[in-house]
Amino acid sequence: MYTETEVDYFIDTIKNVKPFPKLRDLKKLLSPTLSLDKINAILKYLERSKQIIIDLDGNIVWIRNNNMKEDSNLSETANFSKEFIEHFGKF
């Protein structure tokens, strides 16, 4: 279905977009390297494995860092979008 390299490409690409992209922008960002079917499959995998968080408006608001330790503080290791921080404030 998809490889680890494709998942890494997906994550690296969206991490470089500031603010994080909306779901509707993923095809434009990731094509032609990834097909729409692969984008959807990887997106579902990342959501289920809690490596990304998507709000109800279709915005990617959080991406897990690969070096995050289990006992670390989320606010110290997470990459929150500017809009997320503005909306919820910095804790």
N, C-alpha and C. Protein backbone atom coordinates (compact mmCIF):
# COMPACT_ATOMS: atom_id res chain seq x y z
N MET A 1 0.83 -1.18 0.00
CA MET A 1 0.00 0.00 0.00
C MET A 1 0.88 1.26 0.00
N TYR A 2 1.72 1.44 1.01
CA TYR A 2 2.65 2.56 1.06
C TYR A 2 3.87 2.12 1.85
N THR A 3 4.98 2.79 1.60
CA THR A 3 6.23 2.42 2.26
C THR A 3 6.58 3.44 3.34
N GLU A 4 7.52 3.07 4.18
CA GLU A 4 7.98 3.98 5.23
C GLU A 4 8.59 5.24 4.63
N THR A 5 9.25 5.09 3.50
CA THR A 5 9.83 6.25 2.81
C THR A 5 8.75 7.22 2.36
N GLU A 6 7.64 6.69 1.88
CA GLU A 6 6.53 7.54 1.45
C GLU A 6 5.91 8.26 2.64
N VAL A 7 5.80 7.58 3.77
CA VAL A 7 5.27 8.21 4.98
C VAL A 7 6.21 9.32 5.44
N ASP A 8 7.52 9.06 5.41
CA ASP A 8 8.50 10.09 5.79
C ASP A 8 8.41 11.29 4.86
N TYR A 9 8.27 11.03 3.55
CA TYR A 9 8.13 12.12 2.58
C TYR A 9 6.89 12.95 2.89
N PHE A 10 5.79 12.29 3.18
CA PHE A 10 4.53 12.96 3.51
C PHE A 10 4.73 13.88 4.71
N ILE A 11 5.29 13.35 5.79
CA ILE A 11 5.48 14.13 7.01
C ILE A 11 6.47 15.28 6.80
N ASP A 12 7.59 14.99 6.17
CA ASP A 12 8.60 16.03 5.93
C ASP A 12 8.04 17.17 5.07
N THR A 13 7.24 16.82 4.09
CA THR A 13 6.67 17.84 3.21
C THR A 13 5.71 18.74 3.96
N ILE A 14 4.80 18.17 4.74
CA ILE A 14 3.83 19.02 5.43
C ILE A 14 4.46 19.78 6.59
N LYS A 15 5.54 19.26 7.18
CA LYS A 15 6.23 19.99 8.24
C LYS A 15 6.86 21.27 7.71
N ASN A 16 7.24 21.29 6.45
CA ASN A 16 7.90 22.45 5.85
C ASN A 16 6.92 23.53 5.42
N VAL A 17 5.63 23.28 5.49
CA VAL A 17 4.61 24.27 5.12
C VAL A 17 4.19 25.00 6.38
N LYS A 18 4.32 26.31 6.35
CA LYS A 18 3.92 27.14 7.50
C LYS A 18 2.85 28.10 7.06
N PRO A 19 1.71 28.16 7.69
CA PRO A 19 1.23 27.23 8.70
C PRO A 19 0.98 25.86 8.08
N PHE A 20 0.77 24.85 8.92
CA PHE A 20 0.53 23.51 8.40
C PHE A 20 -0.63 23.55 7.39
N PRO A 21 -0.60 22.70 6.37
CA PRO A 21 -1.60 22.78 5.30
C PRO A 21 -2.97 22.24 5.72
N LYS A 22 -3.94 22.64 4.93
CA LYS A 22 -5.29 22.07 5.06
C LYS A 22 -5.31 20.76 4.28
N LEU A 23 -6.26 19.91 4.61
CA LEU A 23 -6.37 18.63 3.90
C LEU A 23 -6.56 18.82 2.41
N ARG A 24 -7.32 19.83 2.03
CA ARG A 24 -7.60 20.05 0.61
C ARG A 24 -6.35 20.44 -0.19
N ASP A 25 -5.27 20.86 0.50
CA ASP A 25 -4.04 21.25 -0.17
C ASP A 25 -3.04 20.10 -0.33
N LEU A 26 -3.31 18.96 0.26
CA LEU A 26 -2.34 17.86 0.26
C LEU A 26 -2.05 17.33 -1.14
N LYS A 27 -3.06 17.21 -1.98
CA LYS A 27 -2.83 16.68 -3.33
C LYS A 27 -1.87 17.58 -4.09
N LYS A 28 -2.07 18.89 -3.99
CA LYS A 28 -1.21 19.85 -4.69
C LYS A 28 0.23 19.76 -4.16
N LEU A 29 0.39 19.58 -2.85
CA LEU A 29 1.72 19.52 -2.24
C LEU A 29 2.47 18.23 -2.54
N LEU A 30 1.76 17.12 -2.58
CA LEU A 30 2.40 15.81 -2.62
C LEU A 30 2.39 15.13 -3.99
N SER A 31 1.64 15.66 -4.93
CA SER A 31 1.61 15.09 -6.29
C SER A 31 2.80 15.62 -7.06
N PRO A 32 3.35 14.91 -7.99
CA PRO A 32 3.01 13.59 -8.48
C PRO A 32 3.71 12.46 -7.72
N THR A 33 4.50 12.80 -6.69
CA THR A 33 5.24 11.77 -5.96
C THR A 33 4.29 10.75 -5.34
N LEU A 34 3.19 11.24 -4.75
CA LEU A 34 2.20 10.34 -4.14
C LEU A 34 0.87 10.49 -4.85
N SER A 35 0.22 9.37 -5.13
CA SER A 35 -1.11 9.40 -5.73
C SER A 35 -2.13 9.79 -4.65
N LEU A 36 -3.31 10.16 -5.08
CA LEU A 36 -4.36 10.54 -4.14
C LEU A 36 -4.72 9.37 -3.22
N ASP A 37 -4.72 8.14 -3.74
CA ASP A 37 -5.01 6.97 -2.91
C ASP A 37 -3.96 6.80 -1.81
N LYS A 38 -2.68 6.99 -2.16
CA LYS A 38 -1.62 6.87 -1.16
C LYS A 38 -1.69 7.99 -0.14
N ILE A 39 -2.00 9.21 -0.60
CA ILE A 39 -2.15 10.34 0.32
C ILE A 39 -3.23 10.03 1.35
N ASN A 40 -4.37 9.55 0.89
CA ASN A 40 -5.47 9.22 1.80
C ASN A 40 -5.11 8.09 2.75
N ALA A 41 -4.45 7.06 2.25
CA ALA A 41 -4.07 5.93 3.11
C ALA A 41 -3.06 6.37 4.17
N ILE A 42 -2.07 7.15 3.78
CA ILE A 42 -1.06 7.62 4.73
C ILE A 42 -1.70 8.55 5.75
N LEU A 43 -2.59 9.42 5.30
CA LEU A 43 -3.28 10.33 6.19
C LEU A 43 -4.07 9.57 7.26
N LYS A 44 -4.79 8.56 6.86
CA LYS A 44 -5.56 7.75 7.82
C LYS A 44 -4.63 7.01 8.79
N TYR A 45 -3.52 6.49 8.27
CA TYR A 45 -2.54 5.82 9.13
C TYR A 45 -1.98 6.79 10.17
N LEU A 46 -1.59 7.99 9.74
CA LEU A 46 -1.01 8.97 10.67
C LEU A 46 -2.02 9.42 11.72
N GLU A 47 -3.28 9.56 11.32
CA GLU A 47 -4.32 9.93 12.28
C GLU A 47 -4.54 8.82 13.31
N ARG A 48 -4.67 7.58 12.83
CA ARG A 48 -4.93 6.45 13.74
C ARG A 48 -3.77 6.22 14.70
N SER A 49 -2.55 6.46 14.22
CA SER A 49 -1.38 6.25 15.07
C SER A 49 -1.03 7.49 15.90
N LYS A 50 -1.90 8.49 15.83
CA LYS A 50 -1.77 9.72 16.61
C LYS A 50 -0.46 10.46 16.33
N GLN A 51 -0.03 10.43 15.07
CA GLN A 51 1.16 11.17 14.67
C GLN A 51 0.81 12.54 14.11
N ILE A 52 -0.46 12.73 13.75
CA ILE A 52 -0.94 14.06 13.37
C ILE A 52 -2.33 14.25 13.98
N ILE A 53 -2.70 15.51 14.15
CA ILE A 53 -4.04 15.85 14.62
C ILE A 53 -4.63 16.82 13.61
N ILE A 54 -5.88 16.55 13.23
CA ILE A 54 -6.60 17.38 12.28
C ILE A 54 -7.83 17.92 12.97
N ASP A 55 -8.06 19.23 12.86
CA ASP A 55 -9.24 19.80 13.51
C ASP A 55 -10.48 19.58 12.64
N LEU A 56 -11.62 20.03 13.13
CA LEU A 56 -12.88 19.80 12.43
C LEU A 56 -13.00 20.59 11.13
N ASP A 57 -12.17 21.61 10.96
CA ASP A 57 -12.18 22.41 9.73
C ASP A 57 -11.24 21.86 8.66
N GLY A 58 -10.58 20.74 8.95
CA GLY A 58 -9.66 20.15 7.98
C GLY A 58 -8.27 20.74 7.99
N ASN A 59 -7.89 21.35 9.11
CA ASN A 59 -6.55 21.90 9.26
C ASN A 59 -5.67 20.91 10.02
N ILE A 60 -4.48 20.68 9.54
CA ILE A 60 -3.52 19.89 10.30
C ILE A 60 -2.96 20.84 11.36
N VAL A 61 -3.17 20.52 12.64
CA VAL A 61 -2.78 21.44 13.70
C VAL A 61 -1.61 20.93 14.53
N TRP A 62 -1.25 19.66 14.38
CA TRP A 62 -0.15 19.12 15.17
C TRP A 62 0.49 17.95 14.44
N ILE A 63 1.82 17.91 14.47
CA ILE A 63 2.58 16.80 13.90
C ILE A 63 3.56 16.34 14.95
N ARG A 64 3.56 15.06 15.24
CA ARG A 64 4.45 14.51 16.26
C ARG A 64 5.89 14.54 15.77
N ASN A 65 6.79 14.96 16.65
CA ASN A 65 8.22 14.90 16.34
C ASN A 65 8.68 13.46 16.48
N ASN A 66 9.56 13.02 15.60
CA ASN A 66 10.06 11.65 15.64
C ASN A 66 10.88 11.36 16.88
N ASN A 67 11.50 12.38 17.47
CA ASN A 67 12.34 12.16 18.63
C ASN A 67 11.62 12.40 19.96
N MET A 68 10.30 12.41 19.93
CA MET A 68 9.53 12.68 21.14
C MET A 68 9.60 11.51 22.11
N LYS A 69 9.94 11.79 23.34
CA LYS A 69 10.01 10.75 24.37
C LYS A 69 8.63 10.56 24.97
N GLU A 70 8.37 9.37 25.46
CA GLU A 70 7.06 9.06 26.03
C GLU A 70 6.71 9.94 27.23
N ASP A 71 7.71 10.28 28.04
CA ASP A 71 7.43 11.04 29.25
C ASP A 71 7.67 12.54 29.10
N SER A 72 7.85 13.02 27.88
CA SER A 72 8.14 14.44 27.68
C SER A 72 6.86 15.26 27.69
N ASN A 73 7.01 16.53 27.91
CA ASN A 73 5.89 17.46 27.94
C ASN A 73 5.49 17.78 26.51
N LEU A 74 4.21 17.61 26.17
CA LEU A 74 3.72 17.82 24.81
C LEU A 74 4.04 19.22 24.30
N SER A 75 3.84 20.22 25.12
CA SER A 75 4.06 21.59 24.66
C SER A 75 5.53 21.87 24.35
N GLU A 76 6.44 21.09 24.91
CA GLU A 76 7.86 21.29 24.66
C GLU A 76 8.33 20.59 23.38
N THR A 77 7.62 19.56 22.96
CA THR A 77 8.09 18.77 21.82
C THR A 77 7.21 18.87 20.59
N ALA A 78 6.04 19.43 20.70
CA ALA A 78 5.10 19.47 19.58
C ALA A 78 5.37 20.65 18.67
N ASN A 79 4.96 20.50 17.43
CA ASN A 79 4.98 21.60 16.45
C ASN A 79 3.54 22.03 16.22
N PHE A 80 3.08 23.02 16.97
CA PHE A 80 1.72 23.52 16.79
C PHE A 80 1.72 24.61 15.74
N SER A 81 0.65 24.66 14.96
CA SER A 81 0.54 25.72 13.96
C SER A 81 0.32 27.05 14.67
N LYS A 82 0.65 28.13 13.99
CA LYS A 82 0.48 29.48 14.55
C LYS A 82 -0.98 29.73 14.89
N GLU A 83 -1.90 29.29 14.04
CA GLU A 83 -3.32 29.49 14.27
C GLU A 83 -3.80 28.74 15.51
N PHE A 84 -3.28 27.55 15.72
CA PHE A 84 -3.65 26.76 16.89
C PHE A 84 -3.22 27.47 18.16
N ILE A 85 -1.99 27.97 18.17
CA ILE A 85 -1.48 28.67 19.36
C ILE A 85 -2.27 29.94 19.61
N GLU A 86 -2.60 30.68 18.54
CA GLU A 86 -3.38 31.90 18.71
C GLU A 86 -4.77 31.60 19.25
N HIS A 87 -5.36 30.52 18.79
CA HIS A 87 -6.72 30.17 19.23
C HIS A 87 -6.76 29.66 20.66
N PHE A 88 -5.83 28.78 21.02
CA PHE A 88 -5.85 28.15 22.33
C PHE A 88 -4.91 28.79 23.33
N GLY A 89 -4.01 29.63 22.86
CA GLY A 89 -3.05 30.28 23.74
C GLY A 89 -1.91 29.35 24.07
N LYS A 90 -0.86 29.91 24.60
CA LYS A 90 0.32 29.13 24.95
C LYS A 90 0.24 28.80 26.44
N PHE A 91 0.31 27.53 26.76
CA PHE A 91 0.18 27.09 28.15
C PHE A 91 1.51 26.95 28.80
